[in-house]
């Protein structure tokens, strides 16, 4: 029995199979069921690796966001994708880093680019954009030309040069 067959056999009405063009077994799961399903995947079905945590912005459709997670069971030679619709402009979902610590950076990237909050993630902060950056670049309302790129790049460059000068000054003192 495959993992998706096992989960569908639980009889939950808020989890359903989805046909994907790439043929990967995929389940659509309601947000309120996601955490319980993640625990079953790890504990009972042997999924050792979180391969992907990302999102899709379907704006202007509702629900606007869709969390996409993919997992791998090496022992069972099986992959599984989960799709979870998230409502609103400030979506949230349960973190999976207590189950798959390697997903920490993927969740941070997803928050940084889409603004999806991961409940229970203790270090959810910017990964690719500067901490003070007030936007999420992969949201559909983000302008294609960017926002204030020249000012931000000048600040980053100035900060990088200052750090390099400090390191050189410290090396000179230690010589």
N, C-alpha and C. Protein backbone atom coordinates (compact mmCIF):
# COMPACT_ATOMS: atom_id res chain seq x y z
N UNK A 1 0.85 -1.18 0.00
CA UNK A 1 0.00 0.00 0.00
C UNK A 1 0.89 1.24 0.00
N UNK A 2 0.61 2.18 -0.87
CA UNK A 2 1.38 3.41 -0.92
C UNK A 2 0.98 4.34 0.22
N UNK A 3 1.80 5.34 0.44
CA UNK A 3 1.50 6.31 1.50
C UNK A 3 0.21 7.06 1.21
N UNK A 4 0.01 7.47 -0.04
CA UNK A 4 -1.22 8.21 -0.36
C UNK A 4 -2.44 7.31 -0.17
N UNK A 5 -2.35 6.03 -0.52
CA UNK A 5 -3.47 5.10 -0.29
C UNK A 5 -3.74 4.95 1.20
N UNK A 6 -2.65 4.88 1.99
CA UNK A 6 -2.81 4.76 3.45
C UNK A 6 -3.55 5.98 4.00
N UNK A 7 -3.11 7.18 3.60
CA UNK A 7 -3.72 8.41 4.11
C UNK A 7 -5.18 8.51 3.66
N UNK A 8 -5.44 8.22 2.40
CA UNK A 8 -6.82 8.27 1.91
C UNK A 8 -7.70 7.24 2.62
N UNK A 9 -7.11 6.13 3.03
CA UNK A 9 -7.83 5.09 3.75
C UNK A 9 -8.23 5.49 5.16
N UNK A 10 -7.66 6.59 5.66
CA UNK A 10 -8.04 7.06 6.99
C UNK A 10 -9.45 7.64 7.01
N UNK A 11 -9.99 7.94 5.83
CA UNK A 11 -11.37 8.41 5.72
C UNK A 11 -11.58 9.87 6.05
N UNK A 12 -10.53 10.65 6.05
CA UNK A 12 -10.66 12.08 6.32
C UNK A 12 -11.31 12.76 5.12
N UNK A 13 -12.34 13.55 5.36
CA UNK A 13 -13.00 14.23 4.25
C UNK A 13 -12.29 15.52 3.84
N UNK A 14 -11.26 15.93 4.59
CA UNK A 14 -10.52 17.14 4.24
C UNK A 14 -9.15 16.84 3.62
N UNK A 15 -8.98 15.60 3.14
CA UNK A 15 -7.78 15.19 2.40
C UNK A 15 -8.26 14.46 1.15
N UNK A 16 -7.70 14.85 0.01
CA UNK A 16 -8.11 14.20 -1.25
C UNK A 16 -6.91 14.06 -2.18
N UNK A 17 -7.01 13.11 -3.10
CA UNK A 17 -5.96 12.90 -4.10
C UNK A 17 -6.09 13.94 -5.20
N UNK A 18 -4.95 14.35 -5.75
CA UNK A 18 -4.91 15.32 -6.83
C UNK A 18 -4.07 14.72 -7.96
N UNK A 19 -4.57 14.82 -9.20
CA UNK A 19 -3.81 14.36 -10.36
C UNK A 19 -2.81 15.44 -10.74
N UNK A 20 -1.56 15.06 -10.84
CA UNK A 20 -0.51 15.99 -11.24
C UNK A 20 0.06 15.55 -12.59
N UNK A 21 0.47 16.52 -13.39
CA UNK A 21 1.02 16.20 -14.71
C UNK A 21 2.31 15.38 -14.62
N UNK A 22 3.08 15.59 -13.56
CA UNK A 22 4.35 14.87 -13.44
C UNK A 22 4.18 13.47 -12.86
N UNK A 23 2.96 13.11 -12.47
CA UNK A 23 2.70 11.76 -11.96
C UNK A 23 3.05 11.54 -10.51
N UNK A 24 3.59 12.55 -9.82
CA UNK A 24 3.93 12.36 -8.41
C UNK A 24 2.64 12.25 -7.59
N UNK A 25 2.55 11.27 -6.70
CA UNK A 25 1.38 11.17 -5.82
C UNK A 25 1.23 12.47 -5.02
N UNK A 26 0.03 13.04 -5.07
CA UNK A 26 -0.21 14.34 -4.44
C UNK A 26 -1.52 14.31 -3.69
N UNK A 27 -1.49 14.90 -2.49
CA UNK A 27 -2.68 15.02 -1.67
C UNK A 27 -2.97 16.48 -1.40
N UNK A 28 -4.24 16.84 -1.53
CA UNK A 28 -4.72 18.17 -1.13
C UNK A 28 -5.18 18.01 0.31
N UNK A 29 -4.66 18.86 1.19
CA UNK A 29 -4.98 18.73 2.62
C UNK A 29 -5.43 20.09 3.17
N UNK A 30 -6.46 20.07 3.97
CA UNK A 30 -6.97 21.29 4.60
C UNK A 30 -5.97 21.76 5.66
N UNK A 31 -5.86 23.07 5.86
CA UNK A 31 -4.89 23.60 6.83
C UNK A 31 -5.05 23.02 8.24
N UNK A 32 -6.27 22.80 8.68
CA UNK A 32 -6.48 22.28 10.03
C UNK A 32 -6.05 20.82 10.18
N UNK A 33 -5.82 20.13 9.08
CA UNK A 33 -5.40 18.73 9.11
C UNK A 33 -3.91 18.56 8.84
N UNK A 34 -3.25 19.62 8.39
CA UNK A 34 -1.87 19.52 7.92
C UNK A 34 -0.92 18.98 8.98
N UNK A 35 -0.93 19.52 10.17
CA UNK A 35 0.02 19.09 11.19
C UNK A 35 -0.13 17.60 11.51
N UNK A 36 -1.34 17.14 11.66
CA UNK A 36 -1.59 15.73 11.96
C UNK A 36 -1.06 14.84 10.83
N UNK A 37 -1.28 15.26 9.59
CA UNK A 37 -0.79 14.49 8.45
C UNK A 37 0.73 14.47 8.41
N UNK A 38 1.38 15.58 8.69
CA UNK A 38 2.84 15.62 8.72
C UNK A 38 3.39 14.63 9.74
N UNK A 39 2.78 14.58 10.90
CA UNK A 39 3.23 13.65 11.94
C UNK A 39 3.07 12.20 11.49
N UNK A 40 1.99 11.88 10.81
CA UNK A 40 1.77 10.52 10.31
C UNK A 40 2.81 10.17 9.25
N UNK A 41 3.10 11.12 8.37
CA UNK A 41 4.11 10.86 7.33
C UNK A 41 5.45 10.51 7.96
N UNK A 42 5.83 11.23 8.97
CA UNK A 42 7.12 11.00 9.63
C UNK A 42 7.10 9.74 10.49
N UNK A 43 6.12 9.64 11.37
CA UNK A 43 6.08 8.58 12.38
C UNK A 43 5.68 7.22 11.81
N UNK A 44 4.64 7.20 10.99
CA UNK A 44 4.06 5.93 10.57
C UNK A 44 4.44 5.49 9.16
N UNK A 45 4.74 6.44 8.29
CA UNK A 45 4.92 6.09 6.88
C UNK A 45 6.37 6.19 6.40
N UNK A 46 7.29 6.54 7.30
CA UNK A 46 8.71 6.47 6.99
C UNK A 46 9.25 7.52 6.04
N UNK A 47 8.66 8.70 6.01
CA UNK A 47 9.21 9.76 5.17
C UNK A 47 10.33 10.46 5.95
N UNK A 48 11.57 10.19 5.53
CA UNK A 48 12.74 10.67 6.26
C UNK A 48 13.19 12.06 5.84
N UNK A 49 12.82 12.50 4.63
CA UNK A 49 13.39 13.73 4.07
C UNK A 49 12.28 14.66 3.58
N UNK A 50 12.38 15.92 3.98
CA UNK A 50 11.55 16.97 3.38
C UNK A 50 12.36 17.53 2.22
N UNK A 51 11.86 17.33 1.02
CA UNK A 51 12.59 17.74 -0.19
C UNK A 51 12.31 19.19 -0.55
N UNK A 52 11.09 19.64 -0.33
CA UNK A 52 10.68 20.95 -0.82
C UNK A 52 9.61 21.55 0.08
N UNK A 53 9.77 22.83 0.36
CA UNK A 53 8.72 23.63 1.00
C UNK A 53 8.67 24.94 0.22
N UNK A 54 7.58 25.18 -0.45
CA UNK A 54 7.43 26.42 -1.23
C UNK A 54 5.96 26.79 -1.27
N UNK A 55 5.63 27.76 -2.08
CA UNK A 55 4.24 28.21 -2.16
C UNK A 55 3.94 28.69 -3.57
N UNK A 56 2.66 28.89 -3.82
CA UNK A 56 2.18 29.46 -5.07
C UNK A 56 1.20 30.57 -4.69
N UNK A 57 1.33 31.72 -5.35
CA UNK A 57 0.40 32.83 -5.15
C UNK A 57 -0.59 32.79 -6.31
N UNK A 58 -1.85 32.45 -6.03
CA UNK A 58 -2.87 32.33 -7.06
C UNK A 58 -3.70 33.61 -7.22
N UNK A 59 -3.25 34.71 -6.62
CA UNK A 59 -4.01 35.95 -6.67
C UNK A 59 -4.40 36.30 -8.11
N UNK A 60 -5.60 36.71 -8.37
CA UNK A 60 -6.66 37.15 -7.45
C UNK A 60 -7.61 36.03 -7.01
N UNK A 61 -7.32 34.79 -7.34
CA UNK A 61 -8.21 33.70 -6.95
C UNK A 61 -8.16 33.48 -5.44
N UNK A 62 -9.19 32.85 -4.92
CA UNK A 62 -9.22 32.48 -3.51
C UNK A 62 -9.35 30.97 -3.41
N UNK A 63 -8.67 30.34 -2.51
CA UNK A 63 -7.68 30.92 -1.61
C UNK A 63 -6.44 31.39 -2.37
N UNK A 64 -5.89 32.46 -1.87
CA UNK A 64 -4.80 33.12 -2.59
C UNK A 64 -3.53 32.27 -2.64
N UNK A 65 -3.14 31.70 -1.51
CA UNK A 65 -1.87 30.98 -1.44
C UNK A 65 -2.08 29.47 -1.35
N UNK A 66 -1.08 28.75 -1.80
CA UNK A 66 -1.07 27.31 -1.68
C UNK A 66 0.33 26.91 -1.23
N UNK A 67 0.41 26.27 -0.07
CA UNK A 67 1.67 25.74 0.42
C UNK A 67 1.90 24.40 -0.27
N UNK A 68 3.11 24.19 -0.77
CA UNK A 68 3.46 22.95 -1.46
C UNK A 68 4.66 22.34 -0.74
N UNK A 69 4.51 21.09 -0.30
CA UNK A 69 5.58 20.37 0.39
C UNK A 69 5.77 19.02 -0.27
N UNK A 70 7.02 18.62 -0.42
CA UNK A 70 7.32 17.29 -0.98
C UNK A 70 8.23 16.54 -0.02
N UNK A 71 7.96 15.23 0.09
CA UNK A 71 8.69 14.38 1.02
C UNK A 71 9.18 13.13 0.32
N UNK A 72 10.25 12.55 0.90
CA UNK A 72 10.86 11.34 0.33
C UNK A 72 11.01 10.29 1.42
N UNK A 73 10.59 9.08 1.10
CA UNK A 73 10.86 7.92 1.94
C UNK A 73 11.90 7.08 1.22
N UNK A 74 13.11 7.10 1.72
CA UNK A 74 14.18 6.32 1.10
C UNK A 74 13.92 4.84 1.29
N UNK A 75 13.51 4.45 2.48
CA UNK A 75 13.29 3.03 2.77
C UNK A 75 12.17 2.43 1.92
N UNK A 76 11.17 3.24 1.57
CA UNK A 76 10.06 2.73 0.76
C UNK A 76 10.14 3.16 -0.70
N UNK A 77 11.20 3.91 -1.04
CA UNK A 77 11.37 4.42 -2.40
C UNK A 77 10.09 5.12 -2.89
N UNK A 78 9.65 6.08 -2.10
CA UNK A 78 8.37 6.73 -2.39
C UNK A 78 8.48 8.24 -2.13
N UNK A 79 7.82 8.99 -2.99
CA UNK A 79 7.72 10.44 -2.84
C UNK A 79 6.25 10.80 -2.68
N UNK A 80 6.02 11.91 -1.99
CA UNK A 80 4.65 12.39 -1.80
C UNK A 80 4.67 13.91 -1.76
N UNK A 81 3.72 14.51 -2.46
CA UNK A 81 3.55 15.97 -2.46
C UNK A 81 2.26 16.30 -1.72
N UNK A 82 2.33 17.35 -0.89
CA UNK A 82 1.14 17.87 -0.23
C UNK A 82 0.87 19.27 -0.74
N UNK A 83 -0.39 19.57 -1.00
CA UNK A 83 -0.83 20.92 -1.37
C UNK A 83 -1.84 21.36 -0.33
N UNK A 84 -1.60 22.53 0.24
CA UNK A 84 -2.47 23.03 1.31
C UNK A 84 -2.87 24.46 1.01
N UNK A 85 -4.16 24.71 0.75
CA UNK A 85 -4.60 26.08 0.47
C UNK A 85 -4.57 26.93 1.75
N UNK A 86 -4.12 28.17 1.60
CA UNK A 86 -4.03 29.09 2.74
C UNK A 86 -4.78 30.37 2.41
N UNK A 87 -5.64 30.78 3.31
CA UNK A 87 -6.49 31.95 3.12
C UNK A 87 -5.80 33.23 3.55
N UNK A 88 -6.22 34.34 2.99
CA UNK A 88 -5.86 35.67 3.46
C UNK A 88 -4.54 36.19 2.96
N UNK A 89 -4.28 37.45 3.30
CA UNK A 89 -3.05 38.11 2.90
C UNK A 89 -1.90 37.86 3.87
N UNK A 90 -2.19 37.31 5.04
CA UNK A 90 -1.17 36.97 6.03
C UNK A 90 -1.32 35.49 6.41
N UNK A 91 -1.04 34.60 5.47
CA UNK A 91 -1.30 33.17 5.70
C UNK A 91 -0.33 32.56 6.70
N UNK A 92 -0.77 31.49 7.32
CA UNK A 92 0.11 30.75 8.23
C UNK A 92 -0.17 29.26 8.10
N UNK A 93 0.85 28.48 8.46
CA UNK A 93 0.76 27.02 8.43
C UNK A 93 1.67 26.49 9.53
N UNK A 94 1.44 25.26 9.98
CA UNK A 94 2.32 24.71 11.01
C UNK A 94 3.70 24.42 10.44
N UNK A 95 4.72 24.68 11.23
CA UNK A 95 6.08 24.37 10.84
C UNK A 95 6.30 22.86 10.90
N UNK A 96 7.22 22.37 10.07
CA UNK A 96 7.55 20.94 10.11
C UNK A 96 8.99 20.72 10.55
N UNK A 97 9.67 21.76 11.07
CA UNK A 97 11.10 21.60 11.36
C UNK A 97 11.38 20.73 12.58
N UNK A 98 10.39 20.54 13.45
CA UNK A 98 10.61 19.61 14.54
C UNK A 98 10.62 18.17 14.04
N UNK A 99 9.98 17.92 12.90
CA UNK A 99 9.96 16.59 12.30
C UNK A 99 11.10 16.42 11.29
N UNK A 100 11.35 17.46 10.50
CA UNK A 100 12.41 17.45 9.48
C UNK A 100 13.22 18.73 9.66
N UNK A 101 14.27 18.71 10.50
CA UNK A 101 15.05 19.93 10.75
C UNK A 101 15.62 20.56 9.48
N UNK A 102 15.87 19.75 8.47
CA UNK A 102 16.42 20.26 7.22
C UNK A 102 15.48 21.19 6.47
N UNK A 103 14.22 21.26 6.88
CA UNK A 103 13.26 22.13 6.22
C UNK A 103 13.32 23.57 6.75
N UNK A 104 14.17 23.83 7.72
CA UNK A 104 14.22 25.16 8.34
C UNK A 104 14.51 26.25 7.32
N UNK A 105 15.50 26.05 6.48
CA UNK A 105 15.84 27.09 5.51
C UNK A 105 14.78 27.20 4.42
N UNK A 106 14.14 26.10 4.07
CA UNK A 106 13.08 26.17 3.07
C UNK A 106 11.89 26.96 3.60
N UNK A 107 11.55 26.77 4.88
CA UNK A 107 10.47 27.56 5.47
C UNK A 107 10.84 29.04 5.55
N UNK A 108 12.10 29.31 5.90
CA UNK A 108 12.55 30.70 5.94
C UNK A 108 12.46 31.35 4.56
N UNK A 109 12.87 30.62 3.53
CA UNK A 109 12.79 31.16 2.17
C UNK A 109 11.34 31.40 1.77
N UNK A 110 10.46 30.47 2.11
CA UNK A 110 9.05 30.61 1.79
C UNK A 110 8.45 31.82 2.50
N UNK A 111 8.83 32.05 3.75
CA UNK A 111 8.36 33.23 4.46
C UNK A 111 8.93 34.50 3.82
N UNK A 112 10.20 34.48 3.50
CA UNK A 112 10.87 35.64 2.93
C UNK A 112 10.26 36.03 1.58
N UNK A 113 10.00 35.07 0.73
CA UNK A 113 9.53 35.35 -0.62
C UNK A 113 8.01 35.53 -0.72
N UNK A 114 7.23 34.79 0.10
CA UNK A 114 5.77 34.82 0.01
C UNK A 114 5.07 35.42 1.23
N UNK A 115 5.75 35.48 2.36
CA UNK A 115 5.13 36.01 3.58
C UNK A 115 4.29 35.00 4.32
N UNK A 116 4.53 33.71 4.11
CA UNK A 116 3.78 32.68 4.83
C UNK A 116 4.45 32.45 6.18
N UNK A 117 3.67 32.64 7.24
CA UNK A 117 4.15 32.46 8.60
C UNK A 117 4.12 30.97 8.94
N UNK A 118 5.20 30.44 9.51
CA UNK A 118 5.24 29.04 9.93
C UNK A 118 5.19 28.99 11.45
N UNK A 119 4.03 28.60 11.97
CA UNK A 119 3.81 28.55 13.41
C UNK A 119 4.71 27.48 14.04
N UNK A 120 5.47 27.89 15.06
CA UNK A 120 6.38 26.97 15.73
C UNK A 120 7.81 27.05 15.23
N UNK A 121 8.06 27.81 14.19
CA UNK A 121 9.42 27.99 13.68
C UNK A 121 10.10 29.05 14.55
N UNK A 122 11.14 28.67 15.28
CA UNK A 122 11.76 29.54 16.27
C UNK A 122 12.71 30.57 15.67
N UNK A 123 13.10 30.40 14.41
CA UNK A 123 14.07 31.30 13.80
C UNK A 123 13.57 31.79 12.44
N UNK A 124 12.30 32.14 12.37
CA UNK A 124 11.71 32.56 11.11
C UNK A 124 12.09 34.02 10.84
N UNK A 125 13.08 34.19 9.99
CA UNK A 125 13.55 35.52 9.63
C UNK A 125 13.99 35.50 8.18
N UNK A 126 14.31 36.66 7.66
CA UNK A 126 14.71 36.78 6.26
C UNK A 126 15.90 35.87 5.96
N UNK A 127 15.88 35.32 4.76
CA UNK A 127 16.97 34.47 4.32
C UNK A 127 17.68 35.09 3.12
N UNK A 128 16.92 35.58 2.16
CA UNK A 128 17.49 36.13 0.93
C UNK A 128 17.46 37.65 0.88
N UNK A 129 16.48 38.25 1.49
CA UNK A 129 16.32 39.70 1.48
C UNK A 129 16.82 40.26 2.81
N UNK A 130 17.19 41.55 2.84
CA UNK A 130 17.65 42.13 4.11
C UNK A 130 16.52 42.16 5.14
N UNK A 131 16.89 42.11 6.42
CA UNK A 131 15.90 42.05 7.50
C UNK A 131 14.90 43.19 7.43
N UNK A 132 15.33 44.38 7.07
CA UNK A 132 14.44 45.54 7.08
C UNK A 132 13.57 45.63 5.82
N UNK A 133 13.73 44.72 4.91
CA UNK A 133 12.98 44.77 3.65
C UNK A 133 11.52 44.48 3.95
N UNK A 134 10.63 45.36 3.56
CA UNK A 134 9.23 45.26 3.95
C UNK A 134 8.32 44.59 2.94
N UNK A 135 8.87 43.80 2.04
CA UNK A 135 8.06 43.21 0.97
C UNK A 135 8.39 41.72 0.82
N UNK A 136 7.54 41.03 0.09
CA UNK A 136 7.74 39.61 -0.23
C UNK A 136 7.75 39.48 -1.75
N UNK A 137 8.92 39.35 -2.36
CA UNK A 137 9.07 39.50 -3.81
C UNK A 137 8.34 38.51 -4.70
N UNK A 138 7.93 37.36 -4.22
CA UNK A 138 7.23 36.42 -5.09
C UNK A 138 5.71 36.53 -5.00
N UNK A 139 5.23 37.52 -4.27
CA UNK A 139 3.79 37.79 -4.28
C UNK A 139 3.44 38.49 -5.59
N UNK A 140 2.26 38.23 -6.07
CA UNK A 140 1.87 38.77 -7.37
C UNK A 140 1.79 40.30 -7.41
N UNK A 141 1.53 40.95 -6.28
CA UNK A 141 1.44 42.41 -6.32
C UNK A 141 2.81 43.09 -6.33
N UNK A 142 3.87 42.32 -6.15
CA UNK A 142 5.21 42.90 -6.16
C UNK A 142 5.56 43.35 -7.57
N UNK A 143 5.99 44.61 -7.75
CA UNK A 143 6.27 45.10 -9.10
C UNK A 143 7.44 44.37 -9.76
N UNK A 144 7.32 44.11 -11.03
CA UNK A 144 8.37 43.38 -11.76
C UNK A 144 9.69 44.12 -11.76
N UNK A 145 9.67 45.44 -11.74
CA UNK A 145 10.90 46.21 -11.76
C UNK A 145 11.54 46.30 -10.37
N UNK A 146 10.88 45.77 -9.35
CA UNK A 146 11.41 45.80 -7.99
C UNK A 146 10.98 47.05 -7.25
N UNK A 147 11.45 47.18 -6.03
CA UNK A 147 11.11 48.31 -5.18
C UNK A 147 12.42 48.89 -4.64
N UNK A 148 12.67 50.14 -4.92
CA UNK A 148 13.83 50.86 -4.40
C UNK A 148 15.14 50.10 -4.56
N UNK A 149 15.40 49.50 -5.70
CA UNK A 149 16.59 48.66 -5.80
C UNK A 149 17.89 49.44 -5.63
N UNK A 150 17.99 50.63 -6.19
CA UNK A 150 19.24 51.37 -6.11
C UNK A 150 19.60 51.71 -4.67
N UNK A 151 18.64 52.23 -3.91
CA UNK A 151 18.91 52.60 -2.53
C UNK A 151 19.33 51.38 -1.71
N UNK A 152 18.60 50.27 -1.86
CA UNK A 152 18.93 49.06 -1.11
C UNK A 152 20.30 48.52 -1.47
N UNK A 153 20.61 48.47 -2.75
CA UNK A 153 21.91 47.95 -3.16
C UNK A 153 23.05 48.83 -2.66
N UNK A 154 22.83 50.15 -2.65
CA UNK A 154 23.87 51.04 -2.12
C UNK A 154 24.08 50.78 -0.62
N UNK A 155 23.00 50.56 0.13
CA UNK A 155 23.12 50.26 1.56
C UNK A 155 23.84 48.93 1.78
N UNK A 156 23.49 47.90 1.00
CA UNK A 156 24.15 46.59 1.14
C UNK A 156 25.64 46.71 0.83
N UNK A 157 25.95 47.43 -0.24
CA UNK A 157 27.35 47.57 -0.64
C UNK A 157 28.13 48.33 0.42
N UNK A 158 27.57 49.41 0.96
CA UNK A 158 28.23 50.17 2.01
C UNK A 158 28.48 49.28 3.24
N UNK A 159 27.49 48.50 3.62
CA UNK A 159 27.63 47.60 4.76
C UNK A 159 28.70 46.54 4.51
N UNK A 160 28.72 45.99 3.30
CA UNK A 160 29.72 44.97 2.95
C UNK A 160 31.13 45.56 3.01
N UNK A 161 31.32 46.78 2.51
CA UNK A 161 32.63 47.43 2.52
C UNK A 161 33.06 47.72 3.95
N UNK A 162 32.14 48.17 4.80
CA UNK A 162 32.46 48.45 6.20
C UNK A 162 32.89 47.18 6.92
N UNK A 163 32.18 46.07 6.69
CA UNK A 163 32.56 44.80 7.35
C UNK A 163 33.93 44.34 6.88
N UNK A 164 34.20 44.49 5.59
CA UNK A 164 35.50 44.08 5.05
C UNK A 164 36.62 44.94 5.65
N UNK A 165 36.38 46.25 5.80
CA UNK A 165 37.38 47.14 6.39
C UNK A 165 37.63 46.78 7.85
N UNK A 166 36.56 46.43 8.57
CA UNK A 166 36.72 46.02 9.97
C UNK A 166 37.55 44.76 10.08
N UNK A 167 37.29 43.79 9.19
CA UNK A 167 38.08 42.54 9.20
C UNK A 167 39.55 42.82 8.91
N UNK A 168 39.81 43.68 7.93
CA UNK A 168 41.20 44.02 7.60
C UNK A 168 41.86 44.72 8.77
N UNK A 169 41.14 45.60 9.45
CA UNK A 169 41.70 46.30 10.61
C UNK A 169 42.02 45.34 11.74
N UNK A 170 41.17 44.35 11.96
CA UNK A 170 41.40 43.35 12.99
C UNK A 170 42.60 42.48 12.65
N UNK A 171 42.75 42.14 11.36
CA UNK A 171 43.89 41.31 10.94
C UNK A 171 45.20 42.07 11.11
N UNK A 172 45.17 43.39 10.86
CA UNK A 172 46.38 44.22 11.02
C UNK A 172 46.80 44.29 12.48
N UNK A 173 45.84 44.34 13.40
CA UNK A 173 46.14 44.40 14.82
C UNK A 173 46.72 43.08 15.31
N UNK A 174 46.23 41.99 14.76
CA UNK A 174 46.66 40.65 15.19
C UNK A 174 47.98 40.24 14.58
N UNK A 175 48.53 40.99 13.62
CA UNK A 175 49.77 40.61 12.94
C UNK A 175 50.98 40.93 13.77
